[in-house]
């Protein structure tokens, strides 16, 4: 430790002004690194200090980092960005990150892309600038940037989504074990190409997740990846994963009932499991349910509903860039199919003022109404709010696509659920079903022509 301090002191002396001579030569690389490391030492002391001493140490760290930054050190510029963003809590971080990124600092490029994507600090939101910086970092091999630019390509921020590019970059990020990418690729492959899912679902990032149980169940059901076919192991793993909310496991159990593999052939039971999986955001289950509506097995035959369900599944498979051959064939036969209703009906329930539940609805034509909920509806809303979300004081939002069936929502596919895992989707369907006949519901059905609709539920406290 003494040697380190002596070294730092020597560097500091070297950096001090010389009153006898003026040296105009640029500082050496070692000297610049020394200035940066002195700043890091003061930053470390600031983390351990409190009160005035903390900020005095941060100011000293800033002084040394600015000295290195003025000499063109990209790492010092990045550290200054972190200092402003994490500790000073004022604007100005973006400028430091921009200079660091321009100097080739990869992590600064990633952060800069996020600043542009979200319009942080002094920057206006600009998806094209976000793409530029994320893509630069992604091409340099940064896994986070690969995931983020892949996610961006799946949106409409740059124009029409490019799902091929999006899936490509997210797969590259998953290959580098970026956790969010591993989870997304694992889930997408499980849903649309389950025989390919094991390498991703077996990664450490998925440890203790029900997707690993699903992979084991699939392997033992179909003999994939060298596993012996074993009905007991297959059903055990799939039922355990399904009980934990894993949608592919639920859908696979439906497939087993539909085909009579390991279980009695029961298309009606299969249809129920497909609907359950759809409420867990599984779009492939919509495809399987659509097949039942086409053939009339376990449900009343309904060609229009079959096409709606298949269309929803094809949209999701296109996004994942994992369309199956049957889906490609269906899309080729129905090039103009766009569903039956493309506008969303908004329904918000919230507790304002405390203890008084209110429902606000916005119909597809833009008409908005607000109803002070009756005692019954107020109790209903509180009862339907997911228990864990209520305890954690979490608000949620759900986007569904459902058909109307005798005035009620039916065969709903969850397209978005934020945050996931709290049960907001199931709560939304349950709440609406139990709310009875409302004038707004009748008008909604009329505007959506009694066929199908998007619906967004917002749960607020």
Protein backbone atom coordinates (compact mmCIF):
# COMPACT_ATOMS: atom_id res chain seq x y z
CA UNK A 1 0.00 0.00 0.00
CA UNK A 2 2.86 2.40 0.86
CA UNK A 3 4.35 1.88 -2.59
CA UNK A 4 1.02 2.78 -4.21
CA UNK A 5 0.80 6.01 -2.28
CA UNK A 6 4.38 6.90 -3.13
CA UNK A 7 3.59 6.26 -6.78
CA UNK A 8 0.49 8.45 -6.68
CA UNK A 9 2.41 11.19 -4.91
CA UNK A 10 5.14 11.05 -7.53
CA UNK A 11 2.59 11.32 -10.32
CA UNK A 12 0.95 14.27 -8.59
CA UNK A 13 4.31 16.02 -8.32
CA UNK A 14 5.00 15.40 -11.97
CA UNK A 15 1.68 16.96 -12.86
CA UNK A 16 2.31 20.11 -10.79
CA UNK A 17 3.21 23.34 -12.63
CA UNK A 18 6.94 24.01 -13.08
CA UNK A 19 7.78 27.60 -12.13
CA UNK A 20 11.20 27.47 -13.78
CA UNK A 21 10.28 26.09 -17.20
CA UNK A 22 7.23 25.76 -19.38
CA UNK A 23 6.83 22.26 -20.85
CA UNK A 24 4.42 22.34 -23.79
CA UNK A 25 4.80 18.65 -24.70
CA UNK A 26 1.62 16.56 -24.32
CA UNK A 27 1.34 14.42 -21.18
CA UNK A 28 2.40 10.81 -21.51
CA UNK A 29 -0.11 7.96 -21.45
CA UNK A 30 1.21 6.84 -18.05
CA UNK A 31 0.74 10.31 -16.64
CA UNK A 32 -2.85 10.49 -17.90
CA UNK A 33 -3.60 7.08 -16.38
CA UNK A 34 -2.09 8.31 -13.12
CA UNK A 35 -4.38 11.33 -13.02
CA UNK A 36 -7.38 9.10 -13.68
CA UNK A 37 -6.36 6.67 -10.92
CA UNK A 38 -5.91 9.49 -8.38
CA UNK A 39 -9.48 10.52 -9.22
CA UNK A 40 -10.68 6.94 -8.71
CA UNK A 41 -8.96 6.85 -5.34
CA UNK A 42 -10.82 10.00 -4.24
CA UNK A 43 -14.09 8.57 -5.57
CA UNK A 44 -13.49 5.44 -3.49
CA UNK A 45 -12.93 7.58 -0.41
CA UNK A 46 -16.18 9.46 -1.16
CA UNK A 47 -18.16 6.22 -1.11
CA UNK A 48 -16.86 5.48 2.37
CA UNK A 49 -17.35 9.03 3.70
CA UNK A 50 -20.41 10.94 4.83
CA UNK A 51 -21.55 14.55 4.84
CA UNK A 52 -19.16 17.25 3.73
CA UNK A 53 -16.22 14.87 3.41
CA UNK A 54 -18.11 12.83 0.79
CA UNK A 55 -18.64 15.80 -1.52
CA UNK A 56 -15.14 17.14 -0.96
CA UNK A 57 -13.75 13.82 -2.17
CA UNK A 58 -16.07 13.79 -5.18
CA UNK A 59 -14.91 17.31 -6.08
CA UNK A 60 -11.28 16.18 -5.90
CA UNK A 61 -12.10 13.13 -8.04
CA UNK A 62 -13.75 15.41 -10.59
CA UNK A 63 -10.70 17.70 -10.67
CA UNK A 64 -8.33 14.82 -11.54
CA UNK A 65 -10.72 13.23 -14.01
CA UNK A 66 -11.21 16.55 -15.79
CA UNK A 67 -7.42 16.82 -16.07
CA UNK A 68 -7.27 13.38 -17.73
CA UNK A 69 -10.37 14.14 -19.83
CA UNK A 70 -8.81 17.35 -21.16
CA UNK A 71 -5.93 15.18 -22.34
CA UNK A 72 -8.42 13.07 -24.33
CA UNK A 73 -8.82 10.10 -21.96
CA UNK A 74 -12.13 8.39 -22.87
CA UNK A 75 -12.28 6.43 -19.61
CA UNK A 76 -12.01 9.66 -17.59
CA UNK A 77 -14.81 11.18 -19.68
CA UNK A 78 -16.93 8.11 -18.96
CA UNK A 79 -16.19 8.35 -15.22
CA UNK A 80 -17.24 12.01 -15.24
CA UNK A 81 -20.49 10.98 -16.88
CA UNK A 82 -21.06 8.43 -14.13
CA UNK A 83 -20.23 11.02 -11.48
CA UNK A 84 -22.85 13.44 -12.79
CA UNK A 85 -25.45 10.76 -13.45
CA UNK A 86 -25.13 8.76 -10.24
CA UNK A 87 -23.96 11.19 -7.59
CA UNK A 88 -24.60 14.78 -8.58
CA UNK A 89 -28.14 14.09 -9.85
CA UNK A 90 -28.05 17.07 -12.19
CA UNK A 91 -27.97 17.46 -15.93
CA UNK A 92 -24.62 17.31 -17.65
CA UNK A 93 -23.88 13.61 -17.69
CA UNK A 94 -24.99 13.32 -21.32
CA UNK A 95 -22.26 15.64 -22.53
CA UNK A 96 -19.54 13.62 -20.83
CA UNK A 97 -20.94 10.35 -22.20
CA UNK A 98 -21.10 11.87 -25.69
CA UNK A 99 -17.43 12.88 -25.57
CA UNK A 100 -16.47 9.46 -24.17
CA UNK A 101 -18.42 7.68 -26.91
CA UNK A 102 -16.84 9.86 -29.57
CA UNK A 103 -13.51 8.77 -28.10
CA UNK A 104 -14.42 5.11 -28.66
CA UNK A 105 -15.65 4.15 -25.17
CA UNK A 106 -18.03 1.23 -25.73
CA UNK A 107 -20.04 1.40 -22.50
CA UNK A 108 -20.50 5.14 -23.00
CA UNK A 109 -22.00 4.33 -26.42
CA UNK A 110 -24.50 1.99 -24.75
CA UNK A 111 -25.51 4.61 -22.17
CA UNK A 112 -25.66 7.33 -24.81
CA UNK A 113 -28.04 5.19 -26.86
CA UNK A 114 -30.29 4.87 -23.82
CA UNK A 115 -30.20 8.65 -23.27
CA UNK A 116 -31.32 9.21 -26.85
CA UNK A 117 -33.95 6.45 -26.68
CA UNK A 118 -35.52 7.89 -23.52
CA UNK A 119 -34.82 11.61 -24.04
CA UNK A 120 -32.74 11.93 -20.87
CA UNK A 121 -30.69 14.84 -19.58
CA UNK A 122 -30.22 17.52 -22.26
CA UNK A 123 -31.09 15.21 -25.17
CA UNK A 124 -34.34 15.07 -27.09
CA UNK A 125 -35.64 11.54 -27.71
CA UNK A 126 -34.21 10.35 -31.03
CA UNK A 127 -34.57 6.70 -31.97
CA UNK A 128 -32.20 7.06 -34.92
CA UNK A 129 -29.40 8.40 -32.72
CA UNK A 130 -30.11 5.61 -30.24
CA UNK A 131 -29.80 3.09 -33.05
CA UNK A 132 -26.55 4.68 -34.26
CA UNK A 133 -24.78 4.43 -30.89
CA UNK A 134 -26.21 1.04 -29.91
CA UNK A 135 -25.34 -0.41 -33.30
CA UNK A 136 -21.79 0.89 -33.04
CA UNK A 137 -21.37 -0.77 -29.64
CA UNK A 138 -23.16 -3.93 -30.81
CA UNK A 139 -20.83 -4.29 -33.78
CA UNK A 140 -17.93 -3.99 -31.32
CA UNK A 141 -19.33 -7.03 -29.50
CA UNK A 142 -21.15 -5.43 -26.54
CA UNK A 143 -23.95 -7.80 -25.46
CA UNK A 144 -26.13 -5.15 -23.83
CA UNK A 145 -26.05 -3.01 -26.97
CA UNK A 146 -26.88 -6.06 -29.09
CA UNK A 147 -29.93 -6.72 -26.94
CA UNK A 148 -31.05 -3.09 -26.91
CA UNK A 149 -30.68 -2.49 -30.64
CA UNK A 150 -32.42 -5.81 -31.29
CA UNK A 151 -35.34 -4.70 -29.11
CA UNK A 152 -35.43 -1.36 -30.95
CA UNK A 153 -35.75 -3.09 -34.34
CA UNK A 154 -38.85 -4.91 -33.04
CA UNK A 155 -40.63 -1.57 -32.46
CA UNK A 156 -41.97 1.07 -34.85
CA UNK A 157 -39.60 3.75 -33.55
CA UNK A 158 -37.57 3.63 -36.77
CA UNK A 159 -40.50 2.99 -39.10
CA UNK A 160 -41.69 -0.49 -39.99
CA UNK A 161 -40.34 -3.10 -37.54
CA UNK A 162 -37.47 -5.25 -38.80
CA UNK A 163 -38.01 -8.48 -36.90
CA UNK A 164 -35.25 -10.30 -38.75
CA UNK A 165 -32.64 -7.80 -37.56
CA UNK A 166 -34.20 -7.69 -34.12
CA UNK A 167 -34.07 -11.44 -33.65
CA UNK A 168 -30.52 -11.62 -35.06
CA UNK A 169 -29.08 -9.09 -32.60
CA UNK A 170 -30.98 -10.54 -29.64
CA UNK A 171 -29.72 -14.02 -30.50
CA UNK A 172 -26.13 -12.64 -30.56
CA UNK A 173 -26.67 -11.07 -27.14
CA UNK A 174 -28.04 -14.37 -25.83
CA UNK A 175 -25.00 -16.19 -27.20
CA UNK A 176 -22.97 -13.91 -24.90
CA UNK A 177 -25.25 -14.78 -21.95
CA UNK A 178 -26.85 -11.35 -21.58
CA UNK A 179 -29.64 -12.32 -19.13
CA UNK A 180 -32.57 -10.45 -20.70
CA UNK A 181 -31.65 -11.75 -24.15
CA UNK A 182 -31.22 -15.33 -22.90
CA UNK A 183 -34.67 -15.17 -21.32
CA UNK A 184 -36.28 -13.72 -24.45
CA UNK A 185 -34.63 -16.18 -26.85
CA UNK A 186 -35.37 -19.13 -24.56
CA UNK A 187 -39.04 -18.16 -24.33
CA UNK A 188 -39.40 -17.46 -28.06
CA UNK A 189 -37.82 -20.77 -29.04
CA UNK A 190 -39.91 -22.66 -26.49
CA UNK A 191 -43.03 -21.15 -27.98
CA UNK A 192 -42.31 -21.46 -31.70
CA UNK A 193 -39.38 -23.92 -32.09
CA UNK A 194 -39.21 -25.89 -28.81
CA UNK A 195 -36.82 -28.51 -30.15
CA UNK A 196 -34.17 -25.74 -30.43
CA UNK A 197 -34.72 -24.20 -27.00
CA UNK A 198 -32.50 -26.31 -24.75
CA UNK A 199 -29.13 -24.57 -25.39
CA UNK A 200 -30.60 -21.23 -24.29
CA UNK A 201 -33.01 -22.40 -21.60
CA UNK A 202 -30.20 -24.41 -19.97
CA UNK A 203 -27.96 -21.34 -19.58
CA UNK A 204 -27.13 -20.13 -16.05
CA UNK A 205 -29.33 -17.05 -16.54
CA UNK A 206 -32.36 -19.37 -16.61
CA UNK A 207 -31.40 -21.35 -13.48
CA UNK A 208 -34.42 -22.10 -11.27
CA UNK A 209 -36.81 -20.79 -13.93
CA UNK A 210 -39.80 -22.97 -14.93
CA UNK A 211 -38.63 -22.87 -18.55
CA UNK A 212 -35.94 -25.40 -17.63
CA UNK A 213 -38.63 -27.75 -16.30
CA UNK A 214 -40.54 -27.26 -19.55
CA UNK A 215 -37.48 -28.23 -21.60
CA UNK A 216 -37.06 -31.39 -19.50
CA UNK A 217 -40.74 -32.21 -19.99
CA UNK A 218 -40.52 -31.73 -23.75
CA UNK A 219 -37.37 -33.81 -23.97
CA UNK A 220 -39.02 -36.74 -22.18
CA UNK A 221 -42.28 -36.34 -24.10
CA UNK A 222 -40.70 -36.39 -27.56
CA UNK A 223 -37.28 -37.94 -27.02
CA UNK A 224 -35.41 -34.73 -27.86
CA UNK A 225 -31.76 -34.08 -27.02
CA UNK A 226 -31.05 -37.73 -26.29
CA UNK A 227 -33.60 -38.04 -23.47
CA UNK A 228 -35.63 -41.27 -23.19
CA UNK A 229 -39.36 -40.98 -23.78
CA UNK A 230 -40.91 -41.25 -20.32
CA UNK A 231 -44.55 -40.29 -19.71
CA UNK A 232 -44.11 -39.97 -15.95
CA UNK A 233 -41.14 -37.61 -16.17
CA UNK A 234 -42.70 -35.65 -19.04
CA UNK A 235 -46.00 -35.06 -17.27
CA UNK A 236 -44.33 -34.41 -13.92
CA UNK A 237 -42.04 -31.70 -15.29
CA UNK A 238 -44.74 -30.11 -17.46
CA UNK A 239 -47.33 -30.01 -14.68
CA UNK A 240 -44.80 -28.53 -12.26
CA UNK A 241 -43.81 -25.83 -14.76
CA UNK A 242 -47.45 -25.11 -15.62
CA UNK A 243 -48.29 -24.68 -11.94
CA UNK A 244 -45.55 -22.01 -11.83
CA UNK A 245 -47.22 -20.11 -14.67
CA UNK A 246 -45.03 -21.34 -17.55
CA UNK A 247 -47.24 -20.92 -20.60
CA UNK A 248 -45.46 -23.34 -22.96
CA UNK A 249 -45.84 -26.12 -20.40
CA UNK A 250 -49.57 -25.37 -20.15
CA UNK A 251 -49.92 -25.32 -23.94
CA UNK A 252 -47.95 -28.56 -24.27
CA UNK A 253 -50.28 -30.30 -21.82
CA UNK A 254 -53.07 -29.14 -24.11
CA UNK A 255 -51.28 -30.74 -27.05
CA UNK A 256 -50.99 -34.00 -25.15
CA UNK A 257 -54.74 -33.97 -24.39
CA UNK A 258 -55.57 -33.06 -27.99
CA UNK A 259 -53.45 -35.87 -29.41
CA UNK A 260 -54.08 -38.42 -26.66
CA UNK A 261 -50.36 -38.79 -25.88
CA UNK A 262 -49.81 -40.03 -22.29
CA UNK A 263 -53.30 -38.65 -21.46
CA UNK A 264 -56.88 -39.51 -22.51
CA UNK A 265 -57.79 -37.77 -25.77
CA UNK A 266 -59.88 -34.77 -24.76
CA UNK A 267 -60.05 -31.80 -27.20
CA UNK A 268 -62.30 -29.81 -24.84
CA UNK A 269 -59.71 -30.09 -22.06
CA UNK A 270 -57.06 -29.09 -24.59
CA UNK A 271 -59.07 -25.98 -25.55
CA UNK A 272 -59.26 -24.93 -21.90
CA UNK A 273 -55.50 -25.29 -21.49
CA UNK A 274 -54.87 -23.30 -24.68
CA UNK A 275 -57.05 -20.47 -23.34
CA UNK A 276 -55.13 -20.56 -20.06
CA UNK A 277 -51.81 -20.36 -21.93
CA UNK A 278 -53.11 -17.43 -24.01
CA UNK A 279 -53.75 -15.51 -20.78
CA UNK A 280 -50.05 -16.12 -20.06
CA UNK A 281 -49.12 -14.43 -23.39
CA UNK A 282 -48.56 -17.66 -25.34
CA UNK A 283 -49.46 -16.88 -28.96
CA UNK A 284 -48.73 -20.39 -30.25
CA UNK A 285 -51.58 -21.62 -28.04
CA UNK A 286 -53.83 -19.31 -30.08
CA UNK A 287 -52.72 -21.19 -33.21
CA UNK A 288 -53.57 -24.56 -31.65
CA UNK A 289 -56.96 -23.25 -30.44
CA UNK A 290 -57.57 -21.88 -33.94
CA UNK A 291 -57.06 -25.37 -35.34
CA UNK A 292 -59.76 -26.70 -33.00
CA UNK A 293 -62.18 -23.99 -34.14
CA UNK A 294 -61.50 -24.93 -37.76
CA UNK A 295 -62.22 -28.62 -37.21
CA UNK A 296 -64.88 -28.27 -34.49
CA UNK A 297 -63.04 -30.53 -32.05
CA UNK A 298 -63.82 -29.69 -28.41
CA UNK A 299 -65.42 -26.37 -29.49
CA UNK A 300 -68.15 -25.28 -31.90
CA UNK A 301 -66.66 -24.91 -35.38
CA UNK A 302 -66.11 -21.25 -36.25
CA UNK A 303 -64.00 -20.36 -39.28
CA UNK A 304 -63.95 -16.63 -38.48
CA UNK A 305 -62.66 -17.24 -34.95
CA UNK A 306 -60.13 -19.74 -36.28
CA UNK A 307 -58.72 -17.08 -38.60
CA UNK A 308 -58.60 -14.44 -35.85
CA UNK A 309 -56.63 -16.75 -33.57
CA UNK A 310 -54.25 -17.78 -36.33
CA UNK A 311 -53.71 -14.15 -37.33
CA UNK A 312 -52.73 -13.27 -33.74
CA UNK A 313 -50.31 -16.19 -33.62
CA UNK A 314 -48.75 -15.29 -36.97
CA UNK A 315 -48.18 -11.70 -35.79
CA UNK A 316 -46.29 -12.96 -32.73
CA UNK A 317 -44.30 -15.54 -34.72
CA UNK A 318 -43.33 -12.85 -37.24
CA UNK A 319 -42.03 -10.67 -34.42
CA UNK A 320 -39.89 -13.54 -33.14
CA UNK A 321 -38.74 -14.36 -36.71
CA UNK A 322 -39.75 -17.97 -35.99
CA UNK A 323 -42.79 -18.63 -38.18
CA UNK A 324 -43.51 -22.32 -38.65
CA UNK A 325 -44.24 -23.78 -42.08
CA UNK A 326 -48.03 -24.01 -41.41
CA UNK A 327 -48.04 -20.37 -40.28
CA UNK A 328 -46.19 -19.28 -43.40
CA UNK A 329 -48.71 -21.16 -45.53
CA UNK A 330 -51.68 -19.59 -43.70
CA UNK A 331 -50.20 -16.09 -44.07
CA UNK A 332 -49.68 -16.67 -47.81
CA UNK A 333 -53.36 -17.66 -48.15
CA UNK A 334 -54.59 -14.65 -46.12
CA UNK A 335 -52.34 -11.75 -47.16
CA UNK A 336 -54.91 -9.04 -46.38
CA UNK A 337 -56.18 -10.39 -43.07
CA UNK A 338 -55.91 -7.70 -40.38
CA UNK A 339 -58.23 -8.94 -37.64
CA UNK A 340 -61.67 -7.54 -36.99
CA UNK A 341 -60.93 -4.45 -34.93
CA UNK A 342 -57.72 -2.47 -34.74
CA UNK A 343 -58.64 0.28 -32.25
CA UNK A 344 -58.27 -0.34 -28.52
CA UNK A 345 -60.90 0.22 -25.86
CA UNK A 346 -59.30 1.70 -22.74
CA UNK A 347 -60.56 0.79 -19.28
CA UNK A 348 -58.93 2.20 -16.15
CA UNK A 349 -59.77 1.35 -12.56
CA UNK A 350 -58.19 3.41 -9.84
CA UNK A 351 -58.53 4.20 -6.15
CA UNK A 352 -58.85 7.99 -6.00
CA UNK A 353 -59.48 9.40 -3.50
CA UNK A 354 -58.44 6.55 -1.25
CA UNK A 355 -61.30 4.13 -0.76
CA UNK A 356 -63.34 5.42 -3.74
CA UNK A 357 -62.91 3.33 -6.87
CA UNK A 358 -63.53 4.98 -10.23
CA UNK A 359 -63.78 3.45 -13.69
CA UNK A 360 -62.80 5.42 -16.78
CA UNK A 361 -63.51 4.13 -20.26
CA UNK A 362 -62.39 5.39 -23.66
CA UNK A 363 -64.29 3.85 -26.55
CA UNK A 364 -62.66 3.09 -29.91
CA UNK A 365 -64.22 6.27 -31.38
CA UNK A 366 -62.36 8.33 -28.76
CA UNK A 367 -65.37 9.00 -26.50
CA UNK A 368 -64.31 9.04 -22.85
CA UNK A 369 -66.55 8.61 -19.83
CA UNK A 370 -65.81 8.46 -16.13
CA UNK A 371 -68.05 6.66 -13.67
CA UNK A 372 -67.92 6.92 -9.88
CA UNK A 373 -68.10 3.22 -9.11
CA UNK A 374 -70.96 2.00 -6.97
CA UNK A 375 -70.23 0.23 -3.71
CA UNK A 376 -70.56 -3.06 -5.56
CA UNK A 377 -68.15 -2.10 -8.32
CA UNK A 378 -65.76 -0.58 -5.81
CA UNK A 379 -65.61 -3.80 -3.80
CA UNK A 380 -65.36 -5.75 -7.03
CA UNK A 381 -62.40 -3.70 -8.25
CA UNK A 382 -60.56 -4.06 -4.96
CA UNK A 383 -61.30 -7.79 -4.88
CA UNK A 384 -60.12 -8.29 -8.47
CA UNK A 385 -56.86 -6.37 -7.99
CA UNK A 386 -54.06 -8.99 -7.83
CA UNK A 387 -53.30 -9.56 -4.14
CA UNK A 388 -49.51 -9.42 -4.39
CA UNK A 389 -49.67 -6.30 -6.55
CA UNK A 390 -51.95 -4.64 -3.99
CA UNK A 391 -49.58 -5.59 -1.18
CA UNK A 392 -46.55 -4.31 -3.11
CA UNK A 393 -48.46 -1.19 -4.25
CA UNK A 394 -47.73 -2.05 -7.89
CA UNK A 395 -49.80 -0.59 -10.74
CA UNK A 396 -50.26 -2.55 -13.95
CA UNK A 397 -51.37 -2.44 -17.56
CA UNK A 398 -52.66 -5.20 -19.84
CA UNK A 399 -53.36 -5.21 -23.58
CA UNK A 400 -55.62 -8.03 -24.76
CA UNK A 401 -57.22 -9.09 -28.01
CA UNK A 402 -60.52 -10.89 -27.40
CA UNK A 403 -63.69 -11.82 -29.22
CA UNK A 404 -67.19 -11.07 -28.01
CA UNK A 405 -69.24 -14.10 -27.01
CA UNK A 406 -72.78 -13.28 -25.84
CA UNK A 407 -71.69 -9.92 -24.52
CA UNK A 408 -68.57 -11.14 -22.70
CA UNK A 409 -64.88 -11.32 -23.57
CA UNK A 410 -63.72 -14.73 -24.76
CA UNK A 411 -60.55 -16.38 -26.13
CA UNK A 412 -58.34 -13.51 -24.99
CA UNK A 413 -54.67 -13.39 -25.94
CA UNK A 414 -52.45 -11.23 -23.76
CA UNK A 415 -50.32 -9.07 -26.05
CA UNK A 416 -48.70 -6.96 -23.32
CA UNK A 417 -48.65 -7.26 -19.53
CA UNK A 418 -46.65 -4.77 -17.46
CA UNK A 419 -45.24 -5.77 -15.10
CA UNK A 420 -45.41 -9.48 -15.83
CA UNK A 421 -45.91 -12.05 -13.12
CA UNK A 422 -48.52 -10.27 -10.99
CA UNK A 423 -51.60 -11.72 -12.69
CA UNK A 424 -52.99 -8.47 -14.10
CA UNK A 425 -54.21 -10.18 -17.29
CA UNK A 426 -56.33 -12.78 -15.52
CA UNK A 427 -57.60 -10.09 -13.15
CA UNK A 428 -58.67 -7.88 -16.07
CA UNK A 429 -60.73 -10.61 -17.71
CA UNK A 430 -62.24 -11.67 -14.38
CA UNK A 431 -63.06 -8.09 -13.42
CA UNK A 432 -64.80 -7.36 -16.69
CA UNK A 433 -66.76 -10.59 -16.62
CA UNK A 434 -68.04 -9.88 -13.11
CA UNK A 435 -68.85 -6.22 -13.66
CA UNK A 436 -72.20 -7.03 -15.26
CA UNK A 437 -73.89 -5.01 -17.98
CA UNK A 438 -72.66 -1.43 -18.22
CA UNK A 439 -73.87 1.13 -20.72
CA UNK A 440 -70.27 1.58 -21.83
CA UNK A 441 -69.92 -2.14 -22.48
CA UNK A 442 -72.99 -2.17 -24.74
CA UNK A 443 -71.64 0.80 -26.73
CA UNK A 444 -68.26 -0.83 -26.96
CA UNK A 445 -69.77 -4.02 -28.37
CA UNK A 446 -71.74 -1.94 -30.89
CA UNK A 447 -68.64 -0.06 -32.06
CA UNK A 448 -66.58 -3.24 -32.42
CA UNK A 449 -69.47 -4.80 -34.38
CA UNK A 450 -69.85 -7.56 -31.83
CA UNK A 451 -66.87 -9.47 -33.20
CA UNK A 452 -63.49 -8.85 -31.62
CA UNK A 453 -61.54 -6.04 -30.06
CA UNK A 454 -58.33 -4.87 -28.49
CA UNK A 455 -58.80 -3.88 -24.86
CA UNK A 456 -56.33 -2.20 -22.51
CA UNK A 457 -56.92 -2.40 -18.79
CA UNK A 458 -55.02 -0.11 -16.45
CA UNK A 459 -54.93 -0.88 -12.75
CA UNK A 460 -54.03 2.14 -10.63
CA UNK A 461 -53.91 2.75 -6.91
